[in-house]
Amino acid sequence: MILFKNIGLIVTCLLLGTAVSPAEARPMRLDISEQARLCITEKKLALAIEFLSDSLCAGRGAGTVGAAETASWLQRRFAKFGLVPSGPSYQHSFALSGGSAGRNVIGIAKGCDSPAKKYILVMASYDGLGIRGGKIYPGADSNGSGVAALLSLAKMMALSRSLGREYEADVIFAALDAKYMSFAGSNALWQELAAGTLKDAHGRTISRKEIVIVINLDQVGSSLSPLKSGRKDYIIALNGGFATKELAQANKSKGTGLEMSHDYYGSPDFTNVFYHRTGDHKVFAEHGMPVVLFTSGITDNNNKLTDTLENLDLPVLKKRIYLIWNFTEKMAGIKKQG
């Protein structure tokens, strides 16, 4: 009779979709990594990119009302995830040509309660082409996808910390303005770092030597420019030789297994251009800092009215976020599993 009761319990749990321990026939707790992955859904990614592509943001042109609306929205998201502002405010203003102001939005995720001795810098530009010829350029992939990925990573970090996981490094999340104005936002961030005015969650000055990796997310939402094999689930990770082993390990975790390339479609010249001469990471690479650029490549929709949510591949974007999260955790160093 006891045997039949146990079988009945196991069958019931299976029908309810609950994991069962054969030894005790009771639900098993999901680990923190799995819970972090589950908090990212295609629907939530779509909602974020829809907002960034909406008429309220008006193409997110640097120095415009639409960019200011975007910065305020990002600030609210950072606060919701429990990120601490770097300095007195999340928004760090800087001058743009023409007399208007750009706004970088910067928040710090504490790896643990004590002051950090190292940092990870994760960044993505949020500005776009704005309104041209009376038409709004939505910029869903460029770079709504990168911003959605950055917010997802911040959310995963917040959830993992709330569940008791601790890291050796703090993570600096920076949503950058004015990419389309000669990378003014990333240059302003570099100037803060170089001048010693960039502060951590405890008010301490962040030194460039304490940043172990700079991660730039620039167009990560498309599957329209696959690598040589033609697989849709791919990622380009230009890393200049840094952290190649850690990238490979991060790609072996659950939910990833992407086709990954460390060059730009096999071209040394284009690899050099995208790693050293263009992109928000450029100024950091120029100063010898370790940088990884994650991208899904240029498509026919870039800088066009057709750069919309409908042309993105959300299931693949989610897998890319998993990989980048795994990599961020590895570089941050887990010191307590939780």
Protein backbone atom coordinates (compact mmCIF):
# COMPACT_ATOMS: atom_id res chain seq x y z
CA MET A 1 0.00 0.00 0.00
CA ILE A 2 2.88 2.38 0.87
CA LEU A 3 4.47 1.64 -2.50
CA PHE A 4 1.29 2.63 -4.36
CA LYS A 5 0.98 5.84 -2.33
CA ASN A 6 4.54 6.84 -3.24
CA ILE A 7 3.95 6.09 -6.92
CA GLY A 8 0.79 8.16 -6.81
CA LEU A 9 2.67 11.07 -5.26
CA ILE A 10 5.41 10.93 -7.87
CA VAL A 11 2.90 10.77 -10.76
CA THR A 12 0.99 13.73 -9.35
CA CYS A 13 4.16 15.79 -9.06
CA LEU A 14 5.17 14.91 -12.60
CA LEU A 15 1.78 15.93 -13.94
CA LEU A 16 2.11 19.26 -12.13
CA GLY A 17 5.54 19.80 -13.69
CA THR A 18 7.38 19.67 -10.37
CA ALA A 19 10.87 18.19 -10.12
CA VAL A 20 10.93 15.14 -7.82
CA SER A 21 13.75 13.64 -5.81
CA PRO A 22 13.61 9.84 -6.23
CA ALA A 23 14.85 9.46 -2.66
CA GLU A 24 12.20 11.49 -0.91
CA ALA A 25 9.62 12.22 -3.63
CA ARG A 26 9.53 15.93 -2.73
CA PRO A 27 9.96 19.08 -4.86
CA MET A 28 13.56 20.10 -5.60
CA ARG A 29 14.59 23.74 -5.38
CA LEU A 30 15.73 25.40 -8.59
CA ASP A 31 19.28 26.69 -8.31
CA ILE A 32 19.97 30.42 -8.49
CA SER A 33 21.38 30.28 -12.03
CA GLU A 34 18.19 28.66 -13.29
CA GLN A 35 15.99 31.17 -11.49
CA ALA A 36 18.00 34.02 -13.01
CA ARG A 37 17.46 32.60 -16.48
CA LEU A 38 13.73 32.16 -15.90
CA CYS A 39 13.27 35.85 -15.08
CA ILE A 40 14.14 36.73 -18.70
CA THR A 41 11.33 36.06 -21.18
CA GLU A 42 10.78 36.91 -24.81
CA LYS A 43 7.67 38.89 -23.85
CA LYS A 44 9.61 41.09 -21.43
CA LEU A 45 12.36 41.65 -24.01
CA ALA A 46 9.73 42.63 -26.56
CA LEU A 47 8.12 45.11 -24.15
CA ALA A 48 11.45 46.82 -23.47
CA ILE A 49 12.33 47.10 -27.17
CA GLU A 50 8.80 48.28 -27.98
CA PHE A 51 9.16 51.11 -25.50
CA LEU A 52 12.54 52.13 -26.86
CA SER A 53 11.11 52.08 -30.40
CA ASP A 54 7.94 53.97 -29.42
CA SER A 55 7.02 57.48 -30.58
CA LEU A 56 7.47 58.70 -26.97
CA CYS A 57 11.21 58.11 -27.35
CA ALA A 58 11.05 59.56 -30.89
CA GLY A 59 14.08 57.68 -32.15
CA ARG A 60 16.17 58.58 -29.06
CA GLY A 61 18.25 61.23 -30.82
CA ALA A 62 20.96 62.59 -28.52
CA GLY A 63 20.04 65.95 -27.01
CA THR A 64 16.32 65.59 -27.80
CA VAL A 65 13.25 65.26 -25.61
CA GLY A 66 12.98 61.64 -26.73
CA ALA A 67 16.46 60.87 -25.39
CA ALA A 68 15.58 62.58 -22.09
CA GLU A 69 12.46 60.41 -21.81
CA THR A 70 14.58 57.34 -22.47
CA ALA A 71 17.12 58.33 -19.82
CA SER A 72 14.37 58.86 -17.23
CA TRP A 73 12.89 55.44 -18.05
CA LEU A 74 16.31 53.80 -17.71
CA GLN A 75 16.84 55.52 -14.38
CA ARG A 76 13.54 54.12 -13.09
CA ARG A 77 14.50 50.64 -14.26
CA PHE A 78 17.89 50.87 -12.56
CA ALA A 79 16.24 51.98 -9.32
CA LYS A 80 13.69 49.16 -9.52
CA PHE A 81 16.49 46.61 -9.83
CA GLY A 82 18.23 48.05 -6.78
CA LEU A 83 21.23 49.50 -8.59
CA VAL A 84 23.02 52.22 -6.65
CA PRO A 85 23.72 55.49 -8.51
CA SER A 86 27.34 56.29 -9.22
CA GLY A 87 27.59 59.56 -7.34
CA PRO A 88 24.58 61.74 -6.46
CA SER A 89 22.48 60.74 -9.49
CA TYR A 90 22.01 57.94 -11.99
CA GLN A 91 22.17 60.50 -14.79
CA HIS A 92 25.60 61.90 -15.67
CA SER A 93 25.25 64.91 -17.97
CA PHE A 94 27.84 66.11 -20.48
CA ALA A 95 27.91 68.78 -23.15
CA LEU A 96 27.07 68.04 -26.77
CA SER A 97 28.00 70.11 -29.79
CA GLY A 98 25.28 72.66 -30.41
CA GLY A 99 24.77 73.45 -26.74
CA SER A 100 22.46 70.58 -25.75
CA ALA A 101 23.21 67.98 -23.07
CA GLY A 102 23.81 64.25 -23.28
CA ARG A 103 22.97 61.89 -20.44
CA ASN A 104 24.71 58.67 -19.48
CA VAL A 105 22.70 56.56 -17.03
CA ILE A 106 24.99 54.68 -14.64
CA GLY A 107 24.11 52.29 -11.82
CA ILE A 108 26.19 49.95 -9.67
CA ALA A 109 25.16 46.42 -8.69
CA LYS A 110 26.98 45.48 -5.50
CA GLY A 111 28.52 42.01 -5.67
CA CYS A 112 28.38 41.72 -1.89
CA ASP A 113 27.90 44.00 1.11
CA SER A 114 31.59 44.86 1.54
CA PRO A 115 33.46 47.26 -0.79
CA ALA A 116 34.64 45.66 -4.01
CA LYS A 117 38.26 45.34 -5.07
CA LYS A 118 37.39 44.83 -8.74
CA TYR A 119 34.65 45.81 -11.17
CA ILE A 120 32.95 44.68 -14.37
CA LEU A 121 31.78 47.44 -16.73
CA VAL A 122 28.77 46.50 -18.87
CA MET A 123 27.58 49.14 -21.31
CA ALA A 124 25.21 49.70 -24.21
CA SER A 125 24.37 52.87 -26.12
CA TYR A 126 20.72 53.90 -26.03
CA ASP A 127 20.61 56.83 -28.45
CA GLY A 128 19.42 56.49 -32.03
CA LEU A 129 18.99 58.49 -35.22
CA GLY A 130 15.92 60.29 -33.89
CA ILE A 131 13.55 61.95 -36.38
CA ARG A 132 14.73 62.56 -39.91
CA GLY A 133 12.57 63.82 -42.75
CA GLY A 134 9.61 63.77 -40.39
CA LYS A 135 9.97 60.02 -39.79
CA ILE A 136 10.96 58.28 -36.55
CA TYR A 137 13.83 55.84 -36.88
CA PRO A 138 12.92 53.12 -34.33
CA GLY A 139 16.41 51.60 -33.81
CA ALA A 140 15.08 48.31 -32.45
CA ASP A 141 18.28 46.37 -33.08
CA SER A 142 20.54 49.43 -33.07
CA ASN A 143 20.60 49.59 -30.15
CA GLY A 144 17.30 48.76 -28.48
CA SER A 145 18.42 45.14 -28.38
CA GLY A 146 21.64 46.02 -26.54
CA VAL A 147 19.78 48.11 -23.98
CA ALA A 148 17.23 45.32 -23.42
CA ALA A 149 20.13 42.93 -22.86
CA LEU A 150 21.81 45.32 -20.42
CA LEU A 151 18.59 45.69 -18.41
CA SER A 152 18.17 41.90 -18.40
CA LEU A 153 21.66 41.43 -16.98
CA ALA A 154 20.95 44.00 -14.26
CA LYS A 155 17.74 42.18 -13.38
CA MET A 156 19.51 38.80 -13.25
CA MET A 157 22.18 40.28 -10.99
CA ALA A 158 19.56 41.75 -8.65
CA LEU A 159 17.68 38.44 -8.43
CA SER A 160 20.83 36.41 -7.81
CA ARG A 161 21.92 38.75 -5.03
CA SER A 162 18.46 38.66 -3.42
CA LEU A 163 18.71 34.86 -3.33
CA GLY A 164 22.02 34.99 -1.46
CA ARG A 165 24.66 34.74 -4.18
CA GLU A 166 27.72 36.93 -3.65
CA TYR A 167 30.40 38.07 -6.10
CA GLU A 168 33.96 39.30 -5.77
CA ALA A 169 33.27 42.20 -8.16
CA ASP A 170 30.69 44.95 -8.39
CA VAL A 171 29.08 45.40 -11.81
CA ILE A 172 28.83 48.88 -13.33
CA PHE A 173 25.87 49.15 -15.72
CA ALA A 174 26.17 52.12 -18.09
CA ALA A 175 23.52 53.09 -20.66
CA LEU A 176 25.38 55.51 -22.90
CA ASP A 177 24.10 58.48 -24.88
CA ALA A 178 25.44 60.09 -28.06
CA LYS A 179 26.98 57.14 -29.87
CA TYR A 180 25.86 58.86 -33.08
CA MET A 181 27.74 62.02 -32.08
CA SER A 182 31.30 60.65 -32.28
CA PHE A 183 30.80 58.38 -29.24
CA ALA A 184 30.48 61.38 -26.94
CA GLY A 185 28.85 59.32 -24.19
CA SER A 186 31.56 56.67 -23.94
CA ASN A 187 34.22 59.38 -24.09
CA ALA A 188 32.49 61.22 -21.23
CA LEU A 189 32.45 58.00 -19.20
CA TRP A 190 36.16 57.47 -19.89
CA GLN A 191 36.90 61.03 -18.77
CA GLU A 192 35.11 60.36 -15.48
CA LEU A 193 37.12 57.19 -14.99
CA ALA A 194 40.41 58.86 -15.90
CA ALA A 195 39.70 61.87 -13.67
CA GLY A 196 38.80 59.70 -10.68
CA THR A 197 35.26 61.07 -10.44
CA LEU A 198 33.46 57.79 -11.16
CA LYS A 199 32.33 56.40 -7.80
CA ASP A 200 31.24 52.93 -6.71
CA ALA A 201 28.30 51.93 -4.51
CA HIS A 202 30.26 52.89 -1.39
CA GLY A 203 31.37 56.27 -2.70
CA ARG A 204 34.90 55.06 -3.43
CA THR A 205 36.76 56.16 -6.56
CA ILE A 206 36.82 53.47 -9.24
CA SER A 207 40.27 53.04 -10.75
CA ARG A 208 40.67 51.89 -14.35
CA LYS A 209 43.10 49.25 -13.06
CA GLU A 210 40.30 47.72 -10.96
CA ILE A 211 38.07 47.08 -14.00
CA VAL A 212 38.79 43.51 -15.07
CA ILE A 213 36.68 43.57 -18.24
CA VAL A 214 34.63 46.03 -20.31
CA ILE A 215 31.59 44.45 -22.00
CA ASN A 216 29.91 46.37 -24.82
CA LEU A 217 26.51 45.25 -26.14
CA ASP A 218 25.93 46.66 -29.61
CA GLN A 219 23.19 45.18 -31.78
CA VAL A 220 22.58 41.72 -30.38
CA GLY A 221 19.01 41.05 -31.50
CA SER A 222 19.14 39.90 -35.12
CA SER A 223 19.75 36.57 -36.81
CA LEU A 224 19.82 38.06 -40.33
CA SER A 225 23.62 38.03 -40.72
CA PRO A 226 24.63 34.51 -39.71
CA LEU A 227 28.14 33.13 -39.66
CA LYS A 228 29.51 30.74 -42.25
CA SER A 229 27.42 27.75 -41.14
CA GLY A 230 24.15 29.64 -41.54
CA ARG A 231 22.94 28.88 -38.00
CA LYS A 232 20.59 31.50 -36.54
CA ASP A 233 21.81 31.02 -32.98
CA TYR A 234 25.19 32.69 -33.27
CA ILE A 235 27.12 35.50 -31.59
CA ILE A 236 30.17 37.52 -32.50
CA ALA A 237 32.40 38.17 -29.49
CA LEU A 238 35.33 40.37 -30.49
CA ASN A 239 37.67 40.08 -27.52
CA GLY A 240 41.17 41.04 -28.65
CA GLY A 241 42.48 37.81 -27.14
CA PHE A 242 41.06 38.54 -23.67
CA ALA A 243 39.09 35.93 -21.70
CA THR A 244 38.73 33.46 -24.59
CA LYS A 245 38.64 30.50 -22.20
CA GLU A 246 35.96 32.12 -20.03
CA LEU A 247 33.84 32.89 -23.10
CA ALA A 248 34.01 29.26 -24.20
CA GLN A 249 33.06 28.05 -20.72
CA ALA A 250 30.14 30.50 -20.56
CA ASN A 251 28.85 29.13 -23.86
CA LYS A 252 28.72 25.58 -22.48
CA SER A 253 26.20 26.36 -19.74
CA LYS A 254 22.53 25.45 -19.89
CA GLY A 255 20.50 27.34 -22.47
CA THR A 256 23.45 28.56 -24.54
CA GLY A 257 25.52 26.53 -27.04
CA LEU A 258 25.66 29.36 -29.57
CA GLU A 259 27.92 29.37 -32.59
CA MET A 260 30.53 31.91 -31.51
CA SER A 261 33.14 33.77 -33.53
CA HIS A 262 35.99 35.95 -32.27
CA ASP A 263 36.45 37.72 -35.61
CA TYR A 264 34.13 39.72 -37.84
CA TYR A 265 33.07 37.22 -40.50
CA GLY A 266 36.64 36.03 -41.01
CA SER A 267 38.00 39.45 -42.01
CA PRO A 268 41.07 40.70 -40.09
CA ASP A 269 40.52 44.22 -41.44
CA PHE A 270 36.86 44.44 -40.34
CA THR A 271 37.74 42.80 -37.02
CA ASN A 272 40.30 45.53 -36.43
CA VAL A 273 37.84 48.27 -37.45
CA PHE A 274 35.03 47.08 -35.19
CA TYR A 275 37.30 46.37 -32.23
CA HIS A 276 39.75 49.28 -32.33
CA ARG A 277 38.27 52.07 -34.45
CA THR A 278 34.54 52.19 -33.86
CA GLY A 279 32.02 51.45 -31.12
CA ASP A 280 31.58 52.76 -27.59
CA HIS A 281 34.29 50.40 -26.34
CA LYS A 282 36.89 52.03 -28.60
CA VAL A 283 38.21 54.56 -26.09
CA PHE A 284 38.68 51.83 -23.46
CA ALA A 285 40.51 49.55 -25.91
CA GLU A 286 42.72 52.48 -26.94
CA HIS A 287 43.87 52.77 -23.33
CA GLY A 288 44.75 49.09 -23.09
CA MET A 289 41.74 47.92 -21.13
CA PRO A 290 40.38 44.40 -21.76
CA VAL A 291 37.24 44.67 -23.88
CA VAL A 292 34.67 42.24 -25.29
CA LEU A 293 32.22 43.48 -27.93
CA PHE A 294 29.11 41.33 -28.32
CA THR A 295 27.19 41.83 -31.57
CA SER A 296 25.03 39.96 -34.04
CA GLY A 297 26.42 41.98 -36.93
CA ILE A 298 25.25 44.65 -39.34
CA THR A 299 22.08 43.93 -41.30
CA ASP A 300 20.20 45.58 -44.18
CA ASN A 301 17.93 47.20 -41.59
CA ASN A 302 20.65 49.24 -39.91
CA ASN A 303 19.89 52.97 -39.79
CA LYS A 304 16.65 52.42 -41.66
CA LEU A 305 12.94 52.66 -40.90
CA THR A 306 12.79 48.86 -41.09
CA ASP A 307 14.89 48.43 -37.92
CA THR A 308 11.83 47.26 -36.00
CA LEU A 309 10.97 44.64 -33.39
CA GLU A 310 9.43 42.39 -36.05
CA ASN A 311 12.86 41.91 -37.64
CA LEU A 312 14.51 40.67 -34.44
CA ASP A 313 14.93 37.10 -33.25
CA LEU A 314 13.86 37.16 -29.60
CA PRO A 315 14.52 33.46 -28.81
CA VAL A 316 18.11 33.87 -30.00
CA LEU A 317 18.46 37.21 -28.20
CA LYS A 318 17.47 35.44 -24.99
CA LYS A 319 20.14 32.77 -25.52
CA ARG A 320 22.73 35.48 -26.12
CA ILE A 321 21.74 37.15 -22.86
CA TYR A 322 22.20 33.81 -21.06
CA LEU A 323 25.72 33.52 -22.49
CA ILE A 324 26.65 37.09 -21.58
CA TRP A 325 25.25 36.56 -18.08
CA ASN A 326 27.30 33.38 -17.65
CA PHE A 327 30.39 35.26 -18.82
CA THR A 328 29.69 38.21 -16.50
CA GLU A 329 29.35 35.86 -13.52
CA LYS A 330 32.61 34.12 -14.39
CA MET A 331 34.48 37.39 -14.67
CA ALA A 332 32.89 38.76 -11.49
CA GLY A 333 33.86 35.64 -9.53
CA ILE A 334 31.26 33.87 -7.40
CA LYS A 335 32.44 33.77 -3.80
CA LYS A 336 29.19 32.50 -2.28
CA GLN A 337 26.72 30.34 -4.19
CA GLY A 338 23.69 31.27 -2.07
